[in-house]
Amino acid sequence: MQLKDFCHLDDGISRRFGTWMTQYHYVSLIFVLSIAFACSLFNGYASRQYVRYLVASDVEQTLSYYSSQITHYPEKLSQLASVFEFNCLEQDRRQLQQLTYHDYLIRRMRLQLPDGRHCNSMESIEPERQLLPLVSPLREGVGLWVANEAHSNEQLLVVEKHVEKGKLLVYLEPLISDSLRDKYCTSCLLVAVSAELNPTVVLMRGDISLLQTPPLMSFPLIDRLTVKVYVQSALMDSYRQAFWLPLFLMGVFLGGAILAGHRLIQSRKLSLHALVDEGLAKQEFIPFYQPIVDVASNTLYGCEMLARWQRPDNEMISPMEFIPYVEKSGQIFPITDQLITKAVNEISKLNWQQTQQVLSINVIPDHLESHEIMEKSLALLYRSQISPRQIAFEVTERKQFTDLAMASDVIDLLRSKGVDVKLDDVGTGYGGFSYIQQLNIRSLKIDKMFVETIGTSDIKLSLLDSIIAFGREAGMEMIAEGVETLEQSMYLAQRGVNLQQGFYFGKPMNFQDFAYFCKSMAANRRTGDDPVEMG
């Protein structure tokens, strides 16, 4: 559907919209509106929680004082009952009036004598129409009753104290005052108190018809008494309508924020992708070399080639900033080919073809799962003077193979041409020793996280010993990465791991520095000095 058909705008307006309302903008608008409408659907939940908060703060404050008074009334009634003669003469009547006057929680009091006579603090008041048991007994000799007033539909809570001389009944003021009941709308609040053991008797204050609606909240008043609060749907509807627009606007803001974040990430990816392509075109990816030393003979076993990105302004970008992305984008393949081409040309200048030294090249599982990709990389090696037996591909265990059968075929192809495959980061990733078995790998590299536990009480030290024991038992070539101290180097050598790599011997370095390192190693070899330490 065209935008002009959807909006029914005139041609002039449609043309102006058409200049900027691209398909992306249209989808973006739909996305933001969808989030906004989705948020607005929560207006029912939000309004209920808001009303619940408002009512709870008012009701609970009132009832907390009320419940504390009722809790103490059994003891208080014992004191009150002791001041009466229970004869309804002048002294009893005066006590009834005075006690009622001084306690604003009490509406009235009544004495009931065994012979049927009774007297009230308010003589003109008519007796209640009905007195129903709510909790009896609440305590020994004390019960709670519900009184239906004779002159109104009002209900009162009555606390009764039974003594030998008669009964003392205290009629308490309503739980909820008229001002609170009508605070939000006229008679829109109902508070109902019921007992667990006698749910048929309910003390109510408010519009009884609200009992047909679900309660807004429920909480205990005192032992065995539960309070339920009901509100009119009209009150909920008014807040539901009031919340719709703020929630819709919040959804617009949220959708816009999500969209802006997505566009920022996409633009960053697009810009990084373009920069990588530019870097490939300008040959900005260069190899660095980190030496691997055979400490048993104090000779250079070889080196690991590591990727670096050198921008035109000589800024060196760390591989951690671009390798994870290019592995996902597929740009890792041309980068690897560019690095191989440069590395074999540089290494050839050191006359490595006259030695047995090994150049290790990092690849990902995807390299080893494609004959086409690997054949292309091998073609680059054949153009150099380096023997295939001086090349090793290191595949990390941190990333998972998806086609082990194909990887096994490719690895067999590489071995047939003299190229070795090493399993890097052993013990830190997916396949573990199953990769060694399924891919028939005969060379492994022990990760730095295990080497750095040497000299500590870290539990991973026992894992290091297990890896070494496994490699030694299987007759595998083992290289330890991340060696930074003499103590670590000696610990590994004592356990047969003589091929070592790390800052203790040399950091990753450009070709010029690596060439100097190789010459220093050769000189030390002739003079019998210790290995070069370039930390």
Protein backbone atom coordinates (compact mmCIF):
# COMPACT_ATOMS: atom_id res chain seq x y z
CA MET A 1 0.00 0.00 0.00
CA GLN A 2 1.39 3.41 -0.98
CA LEU A 3 1.66 6.10 1.68
CA LYS A 4 -0.63 8.45 -0.29
CA ASP A 5 -3.33 5.75 -0.44
CA PHE A 6 -3.01 5.08 3.26
CA CYS A 7 -3.07 8.67 4.38
CA HIS A 8 -5.44 9.99 1.68
CA LEU A 9 -3.33 13.11 1.38
CA ASP A 10 -3.37 15.38 -1.61
CA ASP A 11 -0.67 15.02 -4.23
CA GLY A 12 1.41 17.95 -3.00
CA ILE A 13 1.61 16.67 0.56
CA SER A 14 2.25 13.14 -0.70
CA ARG A 15 5.22 14.32 -2.72
CA ARG A 16 6.70 16.08 0.30
CA PHE A 17 6.25 12.95 2.40
CA GLY A 18 7.72 10.83 -0.34
CA THR A 19 11.02 12.68 -0.21
CA TRP A 20 11.75 11.52 3.30
CA MET A 21 9.30 8.78 4.27
CA THR A 22 11.32 5.84 2.98
CA GLN A 23 10.44 2.27 3.73
CA TYR A 24 12.80 2.32 6.72
CA HIS A 25 11.09 5.37 8.17
CA TYR A 26 7.70 3.74 7.69
CA VAL A 27 8.78 0.56 9.44
CA SER A 28 10.37 2.64 12.19
CA LEU A 29 7.13 4.55 12.72
CA ILE A 30 5.16 1.30 12.90
CA PHE A 31 7.67 -0.09 15.41
CA VAL A 32 7.51 2.98 17.67
CA LEU A 33 3.69 3.06 17.55
CA SER A 34 3.55 -0.66 18.30
CA ILE A 35 5.69 -0.20 21.40
CA ALA A 36 3.59 2.80 22.42
CA PHE A 37 0.30 0.91 22.07
CA ALA A 38 1.78 -2.10 23.86
CA CYS A 39 2.76 0.11 26.80
CA SER A 40 -0.67 1.75 26.85
CA LEU A 41 -2.25 -1.69 27.28
CA PHE A 42 -0.75 -1.75 30.76
CA ASN A 43 -2.97 1.14 31.82
CA GLY A 44 -5.32 -1.28 33.57
CA TYR A 45 -2.52 -2.80 35.61
CA ALA A 46 -0.92 0.59 36.31
CA SER A 47 -4.21 2.16 37.40
CA ARG A 48 -4.97 -0.76 39.70
CA GLN A 49 -1.56 -0.55 41.33
CA TYR A 50 -1.85 3.21 41.71
CA VAL A 51 -5.32 3.05 43.27
CA ARG A 52 -4.11 0.21 45.46
CA TYR A 53 -1.26 2.41 46.65
CA LEU A 54 -3.54 5.37 47.35
CA VAL A 55 -6.21 3.39 49.18
CA ALA A 56 -3.73 1.22 51.06
CA SER A 57 -1.86 4.20 52.43
CA ASP A 58 -5.12 5.69 53.77
CA VAL A 59 -6.88 2.52 54.92
CA GLU A 60 -3.87 0.84 56.51
CA GLN A 61 -3.00 3.96 58.45
CA THR A 62 -6.54 4.05 59.90
CA LEU A 63 -6.77 0.33 60.55
CA SER A 64 -3.31 0.04 62.11
CA TYR A 65 -4.44 2.25 65.00
CA TYR A 66 -7.80 0.50 65.12
CA SER A 67 -6.26 -2.97 65.28
CA SER A 68 -3.80 -1.94 67.98
CA GLN A 69 -6.70 -0.70 70.10
CA ILE A 70 -8.70 -3.90 69.61
CA THR A 71 -5.67 -5.98 70.51
CA HIS A 72 -5.41 -4.20 73.87
CA TYR A 73 -9.15 -4.13 74.54
CA PRO A 74 -9.34 -7.47 76.42
CA GLU A 75 -7.05 -6.07 79.13
CA LYS A 76 -8.67 -2.66 78.90
CA LEU A 77 -12.15 -4.14 79.27
CA SER A 78 -11.11 -5.94 82.42
CA GLN A 79 -10.15 -2.58 83.90
CA LEU A 80 -13.35 -0.94 82.66
CA ALA A 81 -15.56 -3.70 84.01
CA SER A 82 -14.00 -3.32 87.44
CA VAL A 83 -15.35 0.25 87.84
CA PHE A 84 -18.98 -0.76 87.39
CA GLU A 85 -21.38 -2.04 90.06
CA PHE A 86 -23.56 -3.63 87.33
CA ASN A 87 -26.78 -2.25 88.84
CA CYS A 88 -27.44 0.48 86.23
CA LEU A 89 -27.90 3.08 88.98
CA GLU A 90 -26.57 6.62 88.92
CA GLN A 91 -22.91 5.71 89.40
CA ASP A 92 -22.91 3.14 86.57
CA ARG A 93 -24.67 5.56 84.22
CA ARG A 94 -22.20 8.34 84.99
CA GLN A 95 -19.23 6.01 84.40
CA LEU A 96 -20.69 4.93 81.04
CA GLN A 97 -21.00 8.53 79.89
CA GLN A 98 -17.57 9.63 81.08
CA LEU A 99 -15.71 6.66 79.60
CA THR A 100 -17.46 7.11 76.26
CA TYR A 101 -16.75 10.84 76.22
CA HIS A 102 -13.01 10.44 76.83
CA ASP A 103 -12.34 7.70 74.27
CA TYR A 104 -12.98 8.89 70.68
CA LEU A 105 -12.76 5.30 69.39
CA ILE A 106 -15.89 4.41 71.41
CA ARG A 107 -19.28 5.44 70.06
CA ARG A 108 -21.27 4.17 73.05
CA MET A 109 -21.21 1.63 75.88
CA ARG A 110 -23.85 -0.61 77.43
CA LEU A 111 -24.22 -2.68 80.59
CA GLN A 112 -26.43 -5.75 80.45
CA LEU A 113 -27.51 -7.28 83.74
CA PRO A 114 -28.35 -10.93 84.39
CA ASP A 115 -32.03 -10.08 85.07
CA GLY A 116 -32.41 -8.61 81.55
CA ARG A 117 -32.12 -4.93 82.52
CA HIS A 118 -29.60 -2.77 80.62
CA CYS A 119 -28.36 0.82 80.52
CA ASN A 120 -26.52 2.85 77.84
CA SER A 121 -24.15 5.76 77.78
CA MET A 122 -26.67 7.29 75.35
CA GLU A 123 -30.14 6.66 76.80
CA SER A 124 -31.98 7.98 73.75
CA ILE A 125 -30.39 5.51 71.35
CA GLU A 126 -32.49 2.65 70.09
CA PRO A 127 -31.20 -0.91 70.56
CA GLU A 128 -29.53 -2.48 67.55
CA ARG A 129 -31.64 -4.55 65.19
CA GLN A 130 -29.23 -7.48 65.27
CA LEU A 131 -26.09 -8.56 67.11
CA LEU A 132 -24.06 -11.25 65.31
CA PRO A 133 -20.94 -13.03 66.58
CA LEU A 134 -17.76 -12.23 64.62
CA VAL A 135 -15.11 -13.82 66.86
CA SER A 136 -16.19 -15.40 70.08
CA PRO A 137 -14.22 -15.73 72.14
CA LEU A 138 -11.44 -13.36 71.12
CA ARG A 139 -9.83 -13.87 74.51
CA GLU A 140 -11.13 -15.49 77.66
CA GLY A 141 -14.41 -13.77 78.47
CA VAL A 142 -14.10 -11.37 75.53
CA GLY A 143 -15.85 -11.60 72.15
CA LEU A 144 -16.25 -9.52 68.99
CA TRP A 145 -19.72 -8.90 67.58
CA VAL A 146 -21.26 -7.06 64.65
CA ALA A 147 -24.15 -4.72 65.50
CA ASN A 148 -26.66 -3.64 62.84
CA GLU A 149 -27.90 -0.26 64.01
CA ALA A 150 -31.66 0.17 64.33
CA HIS A 151 -31.83 3.77 63.03
CA SER A 152 -29.53 3.26 59.98
CA ASN A 153 -27.89 0.66 57.78
CA GLU A 154 -24.64 1.24 59.58
CA GLN A 155 -22.68 -1.58 61.20
CA LEU A 156 -20.50 -1.25 64.28
CA LEU A 157 -17.91 -3.50 65.80
CA VAL A 158 -18.81 -4.47 69.36
CA VAL A 159 -16.37 -5.75 71.96
CA GLU A 160 -18.10 -7.73 74.72
CA LYS A 161 -16.70 -8.45 78.17
CA HIS A 162 -18.52 -11.12 80.22
CA VAL A 163 -18.14 -11.08 84.02
CA GLU A 164 -20.11 -12.68 86.86
CA LYS A 165 -22.17 -9.51 87.43
CA GLY A 166 -23.18 -9.16 83.78
CA LYS A 167 -21.84 -7.99 80.41
CA LEU A 168 -20.08 -4.86 79.26
CA LEU A 169 -20.55 -4.05 75.55
CA VAL A 170 -18.37 -1.40 73.88
CA TYR A 171 -19.61 -0.13 70.48
CA LEU A 172 -16.64 1.14 68.48
CA GLU A 173 -16.70 3.89 65.89
CA PRO A 174 -16.81 2.67 62.24
CA LEU A 175 -13.57 1.35 60.78
CA ILE A 176 -13.66 3.83 57.91
CA SER A 177 -14.93 7.36 58.32
CA ASP A 178 -17.32 8.96 55.85
CA SER A 179 -14.62 11.39 54.72
CA LEU A 180 -12.28 8.53 53.78
CA ARG A 181 -15.06 6.47 52.21
CA ASP A 182 -15.98 9.37 49.91
CA LYS A 183 -12.46 10.69 49.42
CA TYR A 184 -11.99 9.37 45.87
CA CYS A 185 -15.62 9.32 44.72
CA THR A 186 -19.04 9.12 46.38
CA SER A 187 -19.41 5.82 48.28
CA CYS A 188 -16.79 4.17 46.05
CA LEU A 189 -14.99 2.36 48.86
CA LEU A 190 -16.10 -0.73 50.76
CA VAL A 191 -14.15 -2.19 53.67
CA ALA A 192 -15.22 -5.65 54.84
CA VAL A 193 -13.95 -7.50 57.91
CA SER A 194 -14.60 -11.21 58.30
CA ALA A 195 -13.40 -14.02 60.54
CA GLU A 196 -11.68 -17.13 59.23
CA LEU A 197 -13.87 -19.44 61.33
CA ASN A 198 -17.14 -17.61 60.65
CA PRO A 199 -17.08 -16.14 57.11
CA THR A 200 -20.88 -15.67 57.00
CA VAL A 201 -20.70 -12.72 59.40
CA VAL A 202 -19.12 -9.66 57.79
CA LEU A 203 -18.57 -6.20 59.20
CA MET A 204 -18.92 -3.79 56.28
CA ARG A 205 -18.54 -0.08 55.71
CA GLY A 206 -19.49 1.29 52.30
CA ASP A 207 -21.48 0.27 49.24
CA ILE A 208 -22.53 -3.38 49.77
CA SER A 209 -22.96 -3.93 46.02
CA LEU A 210 -19.17 -3.78 45.67
CA LEU A 211 -18.98 -7.25 47.21
CA GLN A 212 -19.78 -8.57 43.73
CA THR A 213 -16.44 -7.21 42.43
CA PRO A 214 -12.96 -8.68 43.06
CA PRO A 215 -11.28 -7.13 46.12
CA LEU A 216 -8.57 -4.57 45.50
CA MET A 217 -6.51 -5.82 48.42
CA SER A 218 -6.66 -8.10 51.42
CA PHE A 219 -4.62 -8.12 54.61
CA PRO A 220 -4.93 -9.33 58.23
CA LEU A 221 -6.33 -6.97 60.86
CA ILE A 222 -5.70 -8.98 64.02
CA ASP A 223 -5.63 -12.68 64.83
CA ARG A 224 -8.30 -14.55 62.81
CA LEU A 225 -9.67 -11.35 61.23
CA THR A 226 -9.14 -10.40 57.57
CA VAL A 227 -9.81 -7.04 55.93
CA LYS A 228 -10.80 -6.82 52.27
CA VAL A 229 -11.07 -3.52 50.42
CA TYR A 230 -13.29 -3.06 47.36
CA VAL A 231 -13.53 -0.03 45.06
CA GLN A 232 -16.00 0.98 42.37
CA SER A 233 -15.10 0.14 38.76
CA ALA A 234 -15.82 3.78 37.90
CA LEU A 235 -12.85 4.82 40.02
CA MET A 236 -10.61 2.28 38.29
CA ASP A 237 -11.89 3.40 34.88
CA SER A 238 -11.12 7.03 35.58
CA TYR A 239 -7.52 6.24 36.49
CA ARG A 240 -7.25 3.79 33.60
CA GLN A 241 -8.15 6.58 31.19
CA ALA A 242 -5.82 8.99 32.94
CA PHE A 243 -2.91 6.56 32.61
CA TRP A 244 -3.43 5.79 28.92
CA LEU A 245 -1.75 8.89 27.49
CA PRO A 246 1.31 8.92 29.83
CA LEU A 247 1.90 5.23 29.13
CA PHE A 248 1.48 5.80 25.39
CA LEU A 249 4.01 8.65 25.48
CA MET A 250 6.35 6.52 27.58
CA GLY A 251 6.02 3.82 24.91
CA VAL A 252 6.88 6.35 22.21
CA PHE A 253 9.97 7.36 24.16
CA LEU A 254 10.94 3.72 24.80
CA GLY A 255 10.38 2.74 21.18
CA GLY A 256 12.36 5.74 20.01
CA ALA A 257 15.19 4.88 22.40
CA ILE A 258 15.28 1.26 21.20
CA LEU A 259 15.21 2.40 17.59
CA ALA A 260 17.95 4.96 18.17
CA GLY A 261 20.09 2.36 19.93
CA HIS A 262 19.54 -0.10 17.10
CA ARG A 263 20.43 2.49 14.48
CA LEU A 264 23.54 3.47 16.44
CA ILE A 265 24.68 -0.16 16.61
CA GLN A 266 23.90 -0.69 12.94
CA SER A 267 25.67 2.48 11.88
CA ARG A 268 28.69 1.49 13.98
CA LYS A 269 28.68 -1.94 12.35
CA LEU A 270 28.31 -0.44 8.91
CA SER A 271 31.07 2.06 9.56
CA LEU A 272 33.34 -0.66 10.97
CA HIS A 273 32.56 -2.90 8.02
CA ALA A 274 33.46 -0.11 5.62
CA LEU A 275 36.65 0.68 7.54
CA VAL A 276 37.71 -2.97 7.41
CA ASP A 277 37.09 -3.07 3.66
CA GLU A 278 39.13 0.12 3.32
CA GLY A 279 41.87 -1.40 5.48
CA LEU A 280 41.98 -4.49 3.26
CA ALA A 281 42.20 -2.37 0.16
CA LYS A 282 45.04 -0.32 1.64
CA GLN A 283 46.90 -3.35 3.07
CA GLU A 284 46.58 -2.00 6.63
CA PHE A 285 46.50 -5.40 8.33
CA ILE A 286 49.98 -6.45 9.34
CA PRO A 287 51.43 -9.52 11.09
CA PHE A 288 53.08 -9.36 14.49
CA TYR A 289 55.16 -12.24 15.78
CA GLN A 290 55.49 -13.73 19.25
CA PRO A 291 58.39 -16.16 19.67
CA ILE A 292 58.00 -19.77 20.83
CA VAL A 293 61.15 -21.00 22.58
CA ASP A 294 62.39 -24.53 23.23
CA VAL A 295 63.80 -24.07 26.72
CA ALA A 296 65.41 -27.51 26.70
CA SER A 297 67.82 -26.52 23.93
CA ASN A 298 67.60 -22.72 24.26
CA THR A 299 66.55 -22.47 20.62
CA LEU A 300 63.77 -20.75 18.72
CA TYR A 301 61.05 -23.28 17.90
CA GLY A 302 59.13 -20.72 15.87
CA CYS A 303 56.55 -18.01 16.37
CA GLU A 304 52.83 -17.33 16.38
CA MET A 305 51.57 -14.81 13.84
CA LEU A 306 49.12 -12.31 15.38
CA ALA A 307 46.94 -9.78 13.58
CA ARG A 308 47.33 -6.05 14.00
CA TRP A 309 45.55 -3.20 12.23
CA GLN A 310 47.72 -0.18 11.54
CA ARG A 311 45.73 2.84 10.41
CA PRO A 312 47.20 5.49 8.06
CA ASP A 313 47.95 7.75 11.05
CA ASN A 314 50.00 4.85 12.53
CA GLU A 315 47.33 4.19 15.15
CA MET A 316 47.56 0.50 16.09
CA ILE A 317 44.14 -1.05 16.66
CA SER A 318 44.02 -3.99 19.07
CA PRO A 319 42.69 -7.25 17.62
CA MET A 320 40.10 -7.37 20.42
CA GLU A 321 38.43 -4.35 18.82
CA PHE A 322 37.92 -5.84 15.36
CA ILE A 323 38.53 -9.63 15.37
CA PRO A 324 35.18 -10.56 17.02
CA TYR A 325 33.33 -8.49 14.41
CA VAL A 326 35.23 -9.66 11.32
CA GLU A 327 34.80 -13.28 12.42
CA LYS A 328 31.02 -12.77 12.25
CA SER A 329 31.04 -10.63 9.10
CA GLY A 330 33.26 -13.06 7.14
CA GLN A 331 35.95 -10.44 6.62
CA ILE A 332 38.31 -12.61 8.68
CA PHE A 333 39.06 -14.70 5.54
CA PRO A 334 40.58 -11.91 3.38
CA ILE A 335 42.32 -10.52 6.47
CA THR A 336 43.92 -13.92 7.14
CA ASP A 337 45.02 -14.21 3.49
CA GLN A 338 46.53 -10.73 3.63
CA LEU A 339 48.42 -11.58 6.82
CA ILE A 340 49.67 -14.92 5.41
CA THR A 341 51.00 -13.21 2.28
CA LYS A 342 52.90 -10.61 4.31
CA ALA A 343 54.13 -13.08 6.95
CA VAL A 344 55.64 -15.68 4.58
CA ASN A 345 57.37 -12.93 2.60
CA GLU A 346 58.86 -11.42 5.78
CA ILE A 347 59.81 -14.73 7.37
CA SER A 348 61.53 -15.80 4.15
CA LYS A 349 63.91 -12.85 4.64
CA LEU A 350 65.16 -14.56 7.81
CA ASN A 351 66.10 -17.66 5.82
CA TRP A 352 63.66 -19.80 7.79
CA GLN A 353 63.54 -22.15 4.80
CA GLN A 354 66.98 -23.32 5.93
CA THR A 355 65.71 -24.18 9.41
CA GLN A 356 62.97 -26.28 10.98
CA GLN A 357 61.31 -23.29 12.65
CA VAL A 358 57.52 -23.12 12.53
CA LEU A 359 55.17 -20.25 11.71
CA SER A 360 51.81 -20.72 13.50
CA ILE A 361 48.81 -19.02 11.89
CA ASN A 362 45.52 -18.50 13.73
CA VAL A 363 42.37 -19.66 11.98
CA ILE A 364 38.76 -20.17 13.03
CA PRO A 365 36.73 -23.40 12.66
CA ASP A 366 35.14 -22.00 9.48
CA HIS A 367 38.57 -22.12 7.78
CA LEU A 368 38.88 -25.82 8.48
CA GLU A 369 35.33 -26.56 7.37
CA SER A 370 35.88 -25.44 3.77
CA HIS A 371 38.19 -27.02 1.19
CA GLU A 372 37.86 -23.93 -1.00
CA ILE A 373 38.97 -21.48 1.72
CA MET A 374 41.87 -23.65 2.82
CA GLU A 375 43.07 -24.34 -0.74
CA LYS A 376 43.21 -20.58 -1.28
CA SER A 377 45.32 -20.11 1.85
CA LEU A 378 47.63 -22.98 0.81
CA ALA A 379 48.12 -21.37 -2.60
CA LEU A 380 49.51 -18.30 -0.85
CA LEU A 381 52.02 -20.50 1.01
CA TYR A 382 53.18 -22.27 -2.14
CA ARG A 383 54.31 -18.96 -3.65
CA SER A 384 56.88 -18.54 -0.85
CA GLN A 385 60.12 -20.35 -0.09
CA ILE A 386 58.76 -21.61 3.23
CA SER A 387 58.21 -25.36 3.39
CA PRO A 388 54.67 -26.53 4.23
CA ARG A 389 56.18 -28.44 7.14
CA GLN A 390 57.13 -25.07 8.65
CA ILE A 391 53.51 -23.95 8.69
CA ALA A 392 50.96 -24.77 11.40
CA PHE A 393 47.37 -23.63 11.68
CA GLU A 394 46.10 -22.93 15.19
CA VAL A 395 42.36 -23.34 15.66
CA THR A 396 40.88 -22.13 18.93
CA GLU A 397 38.76 -24.37 21.12
CA ARG A 398 36.80 -21.31 22.28
CA LYS A 399 34.69 -21.45 19.12
CA GLN A 400 32.55 -24.42 18.20
CA PHE A 401 32.86 -26.54 15.07
CA THR A 402 29.62 -27.03 13.16
CA ASP A 403 30.80 -29.76 10.76
CA LEU A 404 33.36 -32.04 12.37
CA ALA A 405 33.31 -34.48 9.47
CA MET A 406 34.29 -31.77 6.98
CA ALA A 407 36.89 -30.37 9.39
CA SER A 408 38.42 -33.83 9.71
CA ASP A 409 38.68 -34.11 5.91
CA VAL A 410 40.33 -30.69 5.61
CA ILE A 411 42.79 -31.47 8.42
CA ASP A 412 43.72 -34.76 6.69
CA LEU A 413 44.30 -32.76 3.50
CA LEU A 414 46.61 -30.37 5.34
CA ARG A 415 48.58 -33.21 6.90
CA SER A 416 49.01 -34.85 3.52
CA LYS A 417 50.70 -31.63 2.38
CA GLY A 418 52.87 -31.46 5.51
CA VAL A 419 50.93 -28.69 7.31
CA ASP A 420 50.27 -29.27 11.01
CA VAL A 421 47.12 -28.27 12.93
CA LYS A 422 47.31 -27.27 16.58
CA LEU A 423 44.41 -26.97 19.04
CA ASP A 424 44.66 -23.58 20.78
CA ASP A 425 43.22 -22.55 24.18
CA VAL A 426 42.85 -26.17 25.30
CA GLY A 427 40.49 -26.62 28.24
CA THR A 428 38.65 -23.30 27.82
CA GLY A 429 36.04 -23.95 25.15
CA TYR A 430 33.57 -26.36 23.61
CA GLY A 431 35.19 -29.52 22.33
CA GLY A 432 37.92 -30.19 24.86
CA PHE A 433 39.62 -33.52 24.41
CA SER A 434 36.81 -34.74 22.15
CA TYR A 435 38.18 -32.49 19.40
CA ILE A 436 41.61 -34.02 19.86
CA GLN A 437 40.13 -37.47 19.38
CA GLN A 438 37.67 -36.72 16.56
CA LEU A 439 40.03 -34.52 14.56
CA ASN A 440 43.14 -36.57 15.37
CA ILE A 441 45.04 -33.49 16.50
CA ARG A 442 48.55 -34.23 17.76
CA SER A 443 49.59 -30.78 18.98
CA LEU A 444 47.98 -28.62 21.65
CA LYS A 445 48.57 -25.22 23.21
CA ILE A 446 47.93 -24.79 26.94
CA ASP A 447 46.02 -21.59 27.65
CA LYS A 448 47.41 -18.75 29.74
CA MET A 449 44.60 -19.07 32.30
CA PHE A 450 46.12 -22.37 33.46
CA VAL A 451 49.76 -21.25 33.29
CA GLU A 452 49.16 -18.22 35.50
CA THR A 453 47.99 -20.51 38.36
CA ILE A 454 51.54 -21.81 38.82
CA GLY A 455 52.76 -20.84 42.29
CA THR A 456 49.23 -20.27 43.56
CA SER A 457 46.58 -22.38 45.33
CA ASP A 458 44.13 -21.96 42.44
CA ILE A 459 42.17 -25.15 41.73
CA LYS A 460 42.93 -24.72 38.02
CA LEU A 461 46.54 -25.72 38.80
CA SER A 462 45.35 -29.31 39.16
CA LEU A 463 43.68 -28.97 35.74
CA LEU A 464 46.99 -27.79 34.29
CA ASP A 465 48.70 -30.89 35.67
CA SER A 466 45.92 -33.06 34.21
CA ILE A 467 46.30 -31.49 30.75
CA ILE A 468 50.06 -31.98 30.86
CA ALA A 469 49.67 -35.59 32.02
CA PHE A 470 47.20 -36.27 29.22
CA GLY A 471 49.44 -34.72 26.57
CA ARG A 472 52.51 -36.56 27.81
CA GLU A 473 50.65 -39.89 28.00
CA ALA A 474 49.30 -39.39 24.45
CA GLY A 475 52.72 -38.41 23.11
CA MET A 476 51.45 -35.02 21.96
CA GLU A 477 53.44 -31.88 21.23
CA MET A 478 52.57 -29.29 23.91
CA ILE A 479 53.16 -25.54 23.85
CA ALA A 480 52.44 -23.42 26.93
CA GLU A 481 51.16 -19.89 26.31
CA GLY A 482 51.29 -16.92 28.66
CA VAL A 483 54.60 -17.74 30.38
CA GLU A 484 55.58 -14.58 32.22
CA THR A 485 57.97 -15.65 35.00
CA LEU A 486 60.99 -17.89 35.50
CA GLU A 487 59.01 -19.87 38.08
CA GLN A 488 56.32 -20.69 35.52
CA SER A 489 58.91 -21.62 32.90
CA MET A 490 60.76 -23.98 35.25
CA TYR A 491 57.53 -25.59 36.51
CA LEU A 492 56.49 -26.41 32.96
CA ALA A 493 59.92 -27.61 31.90
CA GLN A 494 60.13 -29.95 34.88
CA ARG A 495 56.92 -31.58 33.60
CA GLY A 496 58.14 -31.95 30.06
CA VAL A 497 56.56 -28.84 28.52
CA ASN A 498 59.65 -27.34 26.90
CA LEU A 499 57.95 -25.35 24.15
CA GLN A 500 56.95 -22.08 25.77
CA GLN A 501 55.53 -18.75 24.64
CA GLY A 502 54.90 -15.56 26.61
CA PHE A 503 56.14 -12.21 27.79
CA TYR A 504 59.01 -13.89 29.66
CA PHE A 505 60.58 -14.56 26.26
CA GLY A 506 59.09 -11.82 24.15
CA LYS A 507 55.95 -9.79 23.50
CA PRO A 508 54.23 -9.77 20.10
CA MET A 509 56.47 -7.60 17.91
CA ASN A 510 56.67 -6.25 14.39
CA PHE A 511 58.96 -7.86 11.86
CA GLN A 512 61.92 -5.57 12.51
CA ASP A 513 61.95 -6.28 16.24
CA PHE A 514 61.35 -9.98 15.65
CA ALA A 515 64.31 -10.15 13.27
CA TYR A 516 66.49 -8.62 15.99
CA PHE A 517 65.12 -11.16 18.47
CA CYS A 518 66.02 -14.05 16.17
CA LYS A 519 69.56 -12.76 15.82
CA SER A 520 69.86 -12.40 19.61
CA MET A 521 68.64 -15.97 20.10
CA ALA A 522 71.22 -17.23 17.62
CA ALA A 523 73.98 -15.25 19.35
CA ASN A 524 72.97 -16.56 22.78
CA ARG A 525 72.91 -20.08 21.35
CA ARG A 526 76.53 -19.71 20.22
CA THR A 527 77.73 -18.22 23.52
CA GLY A 528 75.64 -20.51 25.74
CA ASP A 529 73.84 -17.62 27.51
CA ASP A 530 70.33 -17.81 28.97
CA PRO A 531 67.34 -17.21 26.66
CA VAL A 532 66.63 -13.66 25.69
CA GLU A 533 64.16 -12.07 28.08
CA MET A 534 62.19 -9.27 26.46
CA GLY A 535 59.49 -8.61 29.05
